N, C-alpha and C. Protein backbone atom coordinates (compact mmCIF):
# COMPACT_ATOMS: atom_id res chain seq x y z
N MET A 1 133.26 140.74 86.97
CA MET A 1 133.07 142.00 87.66
C MET A 1 132.06 142.84 86.88
N SER A 2 131.05 143.37 87.59
CA SER A 2 130.04 144.16 86.91
C SER A 2 129.94 145.55 87.52
N ILE A 3 129.37 146.45 86.76
CA ILE A 3 129.14 147.82 87.19
C ILE A 3 127.68 148.14 86.92
N HIS A 4 127.06 148.87 87.83
CA HIS A 4 125.65 149.20 87.69
C HIS A 4 125.44 150.70 87.82
N LEU A 5 124.43 151.20 87.15
CA LEU A 5 124.03 152.59 87.25
C LEU A 5 122.53 152.60 87.50
N ASN A 6 122.11 153.31 88.54
CA ASN A 6 120.69 153.39 88.82
C ASN A 6 120.36 154.71 89.51
N PRO A 7 119.10 155.13 89.41
CA PRO A 7 118.70 156.37 90.06
C PRO A 7 118.66 156.22 91.58
N TYR A 8 119.00 157.31 92.27
CA TYR A 8 118.89 157.40 93.73
C TYR A 8 118.07 158.64 94.01
N LEU A 9 116.85 158.45 94.50
CA LEU A 9 115.89 159.53 94.68
C LEU A 9 115.94 160.07 96.11
N SER A 10 115.89 161.37 96.26
CA SER A 10 115.91 162.02 97.57
C SER A 10 114.53 162.59 97.88
N PHE A 11 113.99 162.19 99.03
CA PHE A 11 112.66 162.61 99.44
C PHE A 11 112.73 163.45 100.71
N ARG A 12 111.63 164.10 101.03
CA ARG A 12 111.51 164.91 102.25
C ARG A 12 110.43 164.32 103.16
N GLY A 13 110.72 163.14 103.69
CA GLY A 13 109.82 162.54 104.67
C GLY A 13 108.84 161.52 104.14
N ASN A 14 108.78 161.30 102.83
CA ASN A 14 107.83 160.31 102.31
C ASN A 14 108.51 159.21 101.49
N ALA A 15 109.77 158.93 101.79
CA ALA A 15 110.50 157.90 101.05
C ALA A 15 109.85 156.52 101.23
N ARG A 16 109.43 156.19 102.43
CA ARG A 16 108.81 154.88 102.66
C ARG A 16 107.57 154.72 101.77
N GLU A 17 106.70 155.71 101.81
CA GLU A 17 105.47 155.65 101.01
C GLU A 17 105.79 155.54 99.52
N ALA A 18 106.73 156.35 99.05
CA ALA A 18 107.09 156.32 97.63
C ALA A 18 107.71 154.98 97.23
N MET A 19 108.65 154.50 98.03
CA MET A 19 109.32 153.24 97.68
C MET A 19 108.34 152.06 97.73
N GLU A 20 107.40 152.09 98.68
CA GLU A 20 106.38 151.03 98.72
C GLU A 20 105.46 151.11 97.51
N PHE A 21 105.16 152.33 97.06
CA PHE A 21 104.36 152.51 95.84
C PHE A 21 105.10 151.92 94.64
N TYR A 22 106.38 152.24 94.48
CA TYR A 22 107.16 151.70 93.36
C TYR A 22 107.25 150.18 93.45
N HIS A 23 107.36 149.66 94.66
CA HIS A 23 107.40 148.21 94.86
C HIS A 23 106.09 147.57 94.38
N SER A 24 104.96 148.24 94.63
CA SER A 24 103.67 147.70 94.20
C SER A 24 103.56 147.67 92.67
N ILE A 25 104.31 148.52 92.00
CA ILE A 25 104.28 148.58 90.54
C ILE A 25 105.30 147.65 89.91
N PHE A 26 106.54 147.74 90.36
CA PHE A 26 107.64 147.01 89.73
C PHE A 26 107.88 145.63 90.32
N GLY A 27 107.35 145.36 91.51
CA GLY A 27 107.58 144.08 92.16
C GLY A 27 109.00 143.96 92.66
N GLY A 28 109.41 142.74 92.99
CA GLY A 28 110.78 142.51 93.42
C GLY A 28 110.95 142.57 94.92
N GLU A 29 112.18 142.85 95.33
CA GLU A 29 112.53 142.89 96.74
C GLU A 29 112.80 144.33 97.16
N LEU A 30 112.10 144.77 98.20
CA LEU A 30 112.28 146.12 98.74
C LEU A 30 112.92 146.02 100.11
N ARG A 31 114.03 146.73 100.28
CA ARG A 31 114.71 146.81 101.57
C ARG A 31 114.70 148.26 102.02
N LEU A 32 114.24 148.49 103.25
CA LEU A 32 114.18 149.84 103.80
C LEU A 32 114.93 149.87 105.12
N ASN A 33 115.91 150.74 105.22
CA ASN A 33 116.66 150.92 106.46
C ASN A 33 116.36 152.31 107.02
N ARG A 34 115.97 152.33 108.28
CA ARG A 34 115.67 153.61 108.93
C ARG A 34 116.94 154.22 109.51
N TYR A 35 116.90 155.51 109.77
CA TYR A 35 118.05 156.19 110.37
C TYR A 35 118.39 155.60 111.73
N ASP A 36 117.39 155.19 112.50
CA ASP A 36 117.68 154.66 113.83
C ASP A 36 118.19 153.22 113.80
N SER A 37 118.31 152.62 112.60
CA SER A 37 118.87 151.27 112.52
C SER A 37 120.39 151.29 112.66
N ILE A 38 121.00 152.44 112.44
CA ILE A 38 122.45 152.60 112.61
C ILE A 38 122.66 153.91 113.37
N PRO A 39 122.57 153.87 114.68
CA PRO A 39 122.66 155.09 115.48
C PRO A 39 123.93 155.90 115.20
N GLY A 40 123.73 157.21 115.16
CA GLY A 40 124.86 158.11 115.00
C GLY A 40 125.34 158.33 113.59
N VAL A 41 124.73 157.65 112.60
CA VAL A 41 125.20 157.80 111.23
C VAL A 41 124.80 159.15 110.68
N MET A 42 123.54 159.49 110.79
CA MET A 42 123.02 160.73 110.24
C MET A 42 121.60 160.92 110.74
N GLY A 43 121.10 162.09 110.62
CA GLY A 43 119.73 162.34 111.04
C GLY A 43 119.64 162.62 112.53
N ASP A 44 118.77 163.55 112.89
CA ASP A 44 118.55 163.86 114.29
C ASP A 44 117.67 162.80 114.92
N GLY A 45 117.60 162.81 116.26
CA GLY A 45 116.83 161.81 116.98
C GLY A 45 115.39 161.69 116.53
N ASP A 46 114.76 162.81 116.19
CA ASP A 46 113.36 162.76 115.76
C ASP A 46 113.22 162.29 114.32
N GLU A 47 114.33 162.03 113.65
CA GLU A 47 114.30 161.54 112.27
C GLU A 47 114.52 160.03 112.19
N GLY A 48 114.57 159.37 113.33
CA GLY A 48 114.89 157.96 113.37
C GLY A 48 114.00 157.06 112.54
N SER A 49 112.73 157.42 112.41
CA SER A 49 111.81 156.56 111.65
C SER A 49 111.85 156.84 110.15
N LYS A 50 112.58 157.86 109.74
CA LYS A 50 112.70 158.15 108.30
C LYS A 50 113.65 157.16 107.65
N ILE A 51 113.56 157.07 106.33
CA ILE A 51 114.34 156.09 105.57
C ILE A 51 115.73 156.65 105.26
N MET A 52 116.75 155.95 105.77
CA MET A 52 118.14 156.31 105.51
C MET A 52 118.56 155.77 104.14
N HIS A 53 118.08 154.57 103.81
CA HIS A 53 118.37 153.97 102.52
C HIS A 53 117.28 152.97 102.17
N GLY A 54 116.72 153.13 100.98
CA GLY A 54 115.76 152.17 100.46
C GLY A 54 116.25 151.67 99.12
N GLN A 55 116.06 150.39 98.88
CA GLN A 55 116.50 149.81 97.61
C GLN A 55 115.48 148.80 97.13
N LEU A 56 115.07 148.99 95.89
CA LEU A 56 114.14 148.08 95.23
C LEU A 56 114.87 147.40 94.08
N ASP A 57 114.96 146.08 94.14
CA ASP A 57 115.56 145.28 93.06
C ASP A 57 114.45 144.44 92.46
N THR A 58 114.22 144.60 91.16
CA THR A 58 113.12 143.91 90.51
C THR A 58 113.58 142.64 89.81
N PRO A 59 112.63 141.73 89.53
CA PRO A 59 112.98 140.48 88.87
C PRO A 59 113.61 140.68 87.49
N ASN A 60 113.28 141.80 86.81
CA ASN A 60 113.84 142.00 85.47
C ASN A 60 115.07 142.91 85.46
N GLY A 61 115.70 143.07 86.62
CA GLY A 61 117.00 143.74 86.67
C GLY A 61 116.99 145.23 86.94
N LEU A 62 115.84 145.82 87.22
CA LEU A 62 115.80 147.24 87.54
C LEU A 62 116.16 147.44 89.02
N THR A 63 116.88 148.51 89.30
CA THR A 63 117.20 148.89 90.68
C THR A 63 116.84 150.35 90.86
N LEU A 64 116.10 150.63 91.92
CA LEU A 64 115.71 151.99 92.25
C LEU A 64 116.04 152.18 93.73
N MET A 65 116.77 153.25 94.03
CA MET A 65 117.14 153.56 95.40
C MET A 65 116.55 154.90 95.80
N GLY A 66 116.34 155.09 97.09
CA GLY A 66 115.82 156.35 97.58
C GLY A 66 115.97 156.47 99.07
N ALA A 67 115.89 157.71 99.57
CA ALA A 67 116.03 157.98 101.00
C ALA A 67 115.39 159.31 101.34
N ASP A 68 115.08 159.49 102.63
CA ASP A 68 114.65 160.78 103.14
C ASP A 68 115.89 161.61 103.44
N MET A 69 115.89 162.83 102.99
CA MET A 69 117.00 163.73 103.28
C MET A 69 116.89 164.18 104.73
N PRO A 70 117.96 164.03 105.52
CA PRO A 70 117.90 164.50 106.91
C PRO A 70 117.93 166.03 106.95
N GLU A 71 117.48 166.58 108.06
CA GLU A 71 117.45 168.04 108.21
C GLU A 71 118.84 168.64 108.04
N SER A 72 119.88 167.89 108.37
CA SER A 72 121.25 168.40 108.22
C SER A 72 121.61 168.61 106.75
N MET A 73 120.80 168.09 105.84
CA MET A 73 121.03 168.25 104.42
C MET A 73 119.86 169.00 103.78
N ALA A 74 119.24 169.91 104.53
CA ALA A 74 118.06 170.62 104.08
C ALA A 74 118.30 171.44 102.81
N ASP A 75 119.55 171.81 102.56
CA ASP A 75 119.84 172.62 101.38
C ASP A 75 120.04 171.78 100.12
N MET A 76 120.01 170.46 100.24
CA MET A 76 120.16 169.58 99.09
C MET A 76 118.82 169.43 98.37
N PRO A 77 118.81 169.38 97.04
CA PRO A 77 117.55 169.25 96.31
C PRO A 77 116.91 167.87 96.51
N ASP A 78 115.59 167.84 96.46
CA ASP A 78 114.88 166.57 96.53
C ASP A 78 114.21 166.31 95.18
N VAL A 79 113.46 165.22 95.08
CA VAL A 79 112.88 164.82 93.80
C VAL A 79 111.91 165.84 93.23
N THR A 80 111.31 166.67 94.08
CA THR A 80 110.32 167.63 93.59
C THR A 80 110.95 168.82 92.87
N VAL A 81 112.27 168.96 92.98
CA VAL A 81 112.97 170.08 92.33
C VAL A 81 113.04 169.85 90.82
N GLY A 82 113.04 168.61 90.40
CA GLY A 82 113.10 168.30 88.96
C GLY A 82 114.52 168.35 88.45
N GLY A 83 114.64 168.49 87.15
CA GLY A 83 115.96 168.56 86.55
C GLY A 83 116.49 167.24 86.02
N SER A 84 115.91 166.15 86.43
CA SER A 84 116.31 164.85 85.90
C SER A 84 115.09 163.94 85.90
N SER A 85 115.19 162.86 85.15
CA SER A 85 114.08 161.91 85.03
C SER A 85 114.59 160.49 85.13
N VAL A 86 113.73 159.61 85.59
CA VAL A 86 113.99 158.18 85.54
C VAL A 86 113.42 157.71 84.21
N CYS A 87 114.20 157.03 83.42
CA CYS A 87 113.76 156.58 82.10
C CYS A 87 113.64 155.06 82.09
N VAL A 88 112.49 154.59 81.68
CA VAL A 88 112.24 153.16 81.50
C VAL A 88 112.01 152.95 80.01
N TRP A 89 112.81 152.08 79.41
CA TRP A 89 112.67 151.86 77.97
C TRP A 89 112.96 150.41 77.64
N GLY A 90 112.48 149.98 76.52
CA GLY A 90 112.71 148.61 76.09
C GLY A 90 111.72 148.20 75.02
N GLU A 91 111.57 146.89 74.86
CA GLU A 91 110.74 146.34 73.81
C GLU A 91 109.56 145.52 74.33
N ASP A 92 109.45 145.37 75.65
CA ASP A 92 108.35 144.60 76.24
C ASP A 92 107.15 145.53 76.42
N GLY A 93 106.35 145.65 75.37
CA GLY A 93 105.24 146.59 75.35
C GLY A 93 104.24 146.37 76.47
N GLU A 94 103.91 145.14 76.74
CA GLU A 94 102.92 144.85 77.79
C GLU A 94 103.43 145.34 79.14
N GLN A 95 104.69 145.05 79.47
CA GLN A 95 105.24 145.44 80.77
C GLN A 95 105.42 146.95 80.87
N ILE A 96 105.94 147.58 79.83
CA ILE A 96 106.15 149.03 79.88
C ILE A 96 104.82 149.77 79.98
N ARG A 97 103.81 149.30 79.25
CA ARG A 97 102.49 149.93 79.35
C ARG A 97 101.90 149.75 80.75
N ALA A 98 102.12 148.60 81.36
CA ALA A 98 101.63 148.36 82.72
C ALA A 98 102.30 149.32 83.71
N TYR A 99 103.61 149.51 83.58
CA TYR A 99 104.33 150.45 84.44
C TYR A 99 103.77 151.86 84.25
N TRP A 100 103.61 152.28 82.98
CA TRP A 100 103.09 153.61 82.68
C TRP A 100 101.72 153.82 83.32
N THR A 101 100.83 152.86 83.14
CA THR A 101 99.48 152.97 83.67
C THR A 101 99.49 153.09 85.19
N ALA A 102 100.28 152.27 85.85
CA ALA A 102 100.34 152.30 87.32
C ALA A 102 100.95 153.61 87.84
N LEU A 103 102.01 154.07 87.23
CA LEU A 103 102.64 155.32 87.68
C LEU A 103 101.81 156.54 87.31
N SER A 104 100.92 156.42 86.35
CA SER A 104 100.06 157.53 85.94
C SER A 104 99.03 157.90 87.00
N GLU A 105 98.71 156.97 87.87
CA GLU A 105 97.70 157.22 88.90
C GLU A 105 98.17 158.34 89.82
N GLY A 106 97.44 159.44 89.80
CA GLY A 106 97.78 160.59 90.62
C GLY A 106 98.92 161.43 90.06
N ALA A 107 99.34 161.15 88.83
CA ALA A 107 100.47 161.85 88.22
C ALA A 107 100.01 163.01 87.34
N LYS A 108 100.96 163.87 87.02
CA LYS A 108 100.74 164.91 86.01
C LYS A 108 101.34 164.39 84.72
N ILE A 109 100.53 164.20 83.71
CA ILE A 109 101.01 163.70 82.43
C ILE A 109 101.55 164.88 81.63
N ASN A 110 102.84 164.88 81.38
CA ASN A 110 103.46 165.93 80.58
C ASN A 110 103.33 165.65 79.10
N MET A 111 103.42 164.38 78.74
CA MET A 111 103.27 163.95 77.35
C MET A 111 102.64 162.56 77.38
N PRO A 112 101.48 162.39 76.77
CA PRO A 112 100.81 161.09 76.78
C PRO A 112 101.68 160.00 76.16
N PHE A 113 101.46 158.77 76.61
CA PHE A 113 102.21 157.63 76.09
C PHE A 113 101.61 157.24 74.75
N GLU A 114 102.22 157.73 73.69
CA GLU A 114 101.71 157.50 72.34
C GLU A 114 102.85 157.56 71.33
N LYS A 115 102.52 157.23 70.10
CA LYS A 115 103.51 157.22 69.03
C LYS A 115 104.17 158.58 68.91
N ALA A 116 105.50 158.61 68.93
CA ALA A 116 106.27 159.84 68.84
C ALA A 116 106.76 160.05 67.40
N PRO A 117 107.12 161.27 67.04
CA PRO A 117 107.59 161.54 65.68
C PRO A 117 108.78 160.69 65.24
N TRP A 118 109.61 160.25 66.19
CA TRP A 118 110.78 159.44 65.82
C TRP A 118 110.46 157.96 65.71
N GLY A 119 109.20 157.59 65.93
CA GLY A 119 108.77 156.22 65.67
C GLY A 119 108.49 155.37 66.90
N ASP A 120 109.11 155.69 68.02
CA ASP A 120 108.84 154.92 69.24
C ASP A 120 107.55 155.41 69.88
N THR A 121 107.04 154.63 70.81
CA THR A 121 105.95 155.09 71.66
C THR A 121 106.61 155.69 72.89
N PHE A 122 106.22 156.92 73.23
CA PHE A 122 106.91 157.67 74.28
C PHE A 122 105.91 158.41 75.14
N GLY A 123 106.23 158.53 76.42
CA GLY A 123 105.43 159.31 77.34
C GLY A 123 106.28 159.87 78.46
N ASP A 124 105.79 160.93 79.06
CA ASP A 124 106.53 161.64 80.10
C ASP A 124 105.53 162.05 81.18
N LEU A 125 105.83 161.74 82.44
CA LEU A 125 104.94 162.11 83.53
C LEU A 125 105.73 162.50 84.77
N ARG A 126 105.05 163.20 85.66
CA ARG A 126 105.59 163.53 86.98
C ARG A 126 104.67 162.83 87.98
N ASP A 127 105.20 161.83 88.69
CA ASP A 127 104.34 161.00 89.54
C ASP A 127 103.89 161.75 90.80
N ARG A 128 103.06 161.10 91.58
CA ARG A 128 102.46 161.71 92.77
C ARG A 128 103.49 162.13 93.81
N TYR A 129 104.73 161.65 93.69
CA TYR A 129 105.79 162.02 94.63
C TYR A 129 106.73 163.08 94.07
N GLY A 130 106.45 163.55 92.86
CA GLY A 130 107.27 164.58 92.25
C GLY A 130 108.41 164.05 91.41
N VAL A 131 108.47 162.74 91.18
CA VAL A 131 109.53 162.14 90.37
C VAL A 131 109.13 162.19 88.90
N ASN A 132 110.05 162.67 88.06
CA ASN A 132 109.82 162.70 86.62
C ASN A 132 110.20 161.34 86.02
N TRP A 133 109.32 160.81 85.19
CA TRP A 133 109.54 159.52 84.53
C TRP A 133 109.35 159.70 83.03
N MET A 134 110.20 159.06 82.25
CA MET A 134 110.03 158.96 80.81
C MET A 134 109.93 157.49 80.46
N PHE A 135 109.02 157.17 79.56
CA PHE A 135 108.85 155.80 79.09
C PHE A 135 109.01 155.78 77.59
N SER A 136 109.77 154.82 77.12
CA SER A 136 109.97 154.70 75.68
C SER A 136 109.88 153.22 75.30
N LEU A 137 109.00 152.96 74.36
CA LEU A 137 108.80 151.61 73.84
C LEU A 137 109.33 151.60 72.41
N ALA A 138 110.43 150.90 72.21
CA ALA A 138 111.09 150.86 70.90
C ALA A 138 110.16 150.34 69.82
N ASP A 139 109.97 151.14 68.79
CA ASP A 139 109.14 150.79 67.65
C ASP A 139 107.76 150.29 68.05
N GLY A 140 107.27 150.76 69.19
CA GLY A 140 105.98 150.30 69.66
C GLY A 140 104.83 150.94 68.92
N PRO A 141 103.80 150.18 68.62
CA PRO A 141 102.62 150.75 67.97
C PRO A 141 101.83 151.60 68.96
N ALA A 142 101.28 152.65 68.49
CA ALA A 142 100.43 153.50 69.34
C ALA A 142 99.12 152.77 69.61
N GLU A 143 98.58 153.01 70.78
CA GLU A 143 97.29 152.40 71.12
C GLU A 143 96.27 153.45 71.34
């Protein structure tokens, strides 16, 4: 029996675009279910083409989920509100640097991916969809 913990991102109408972007970076299998795939569950009729649930499972075990918030949940925060970050960390320098580089396109770099005072290589960015990401490469050399 296993237990998993993964981020679930809430978007305002661009979940498909964001999840497809993450799929282009992380690879793996992307499943997208629209609101109109299960009638009556949630979302108004004009929201049928929005994403009710998206899930990306990567070959190296990462899972990222996301959905468009329906108008009935307009008061719920979305990814652009901030307050939390998706953190990618490990020891595979080539892969982590590739993720950083790809997610940096169109992003606001809060902290460049470089050697940090505590010894790891670390970077922080807000991607083009408003999602905050932190990257940490354990004992990684600065480049």
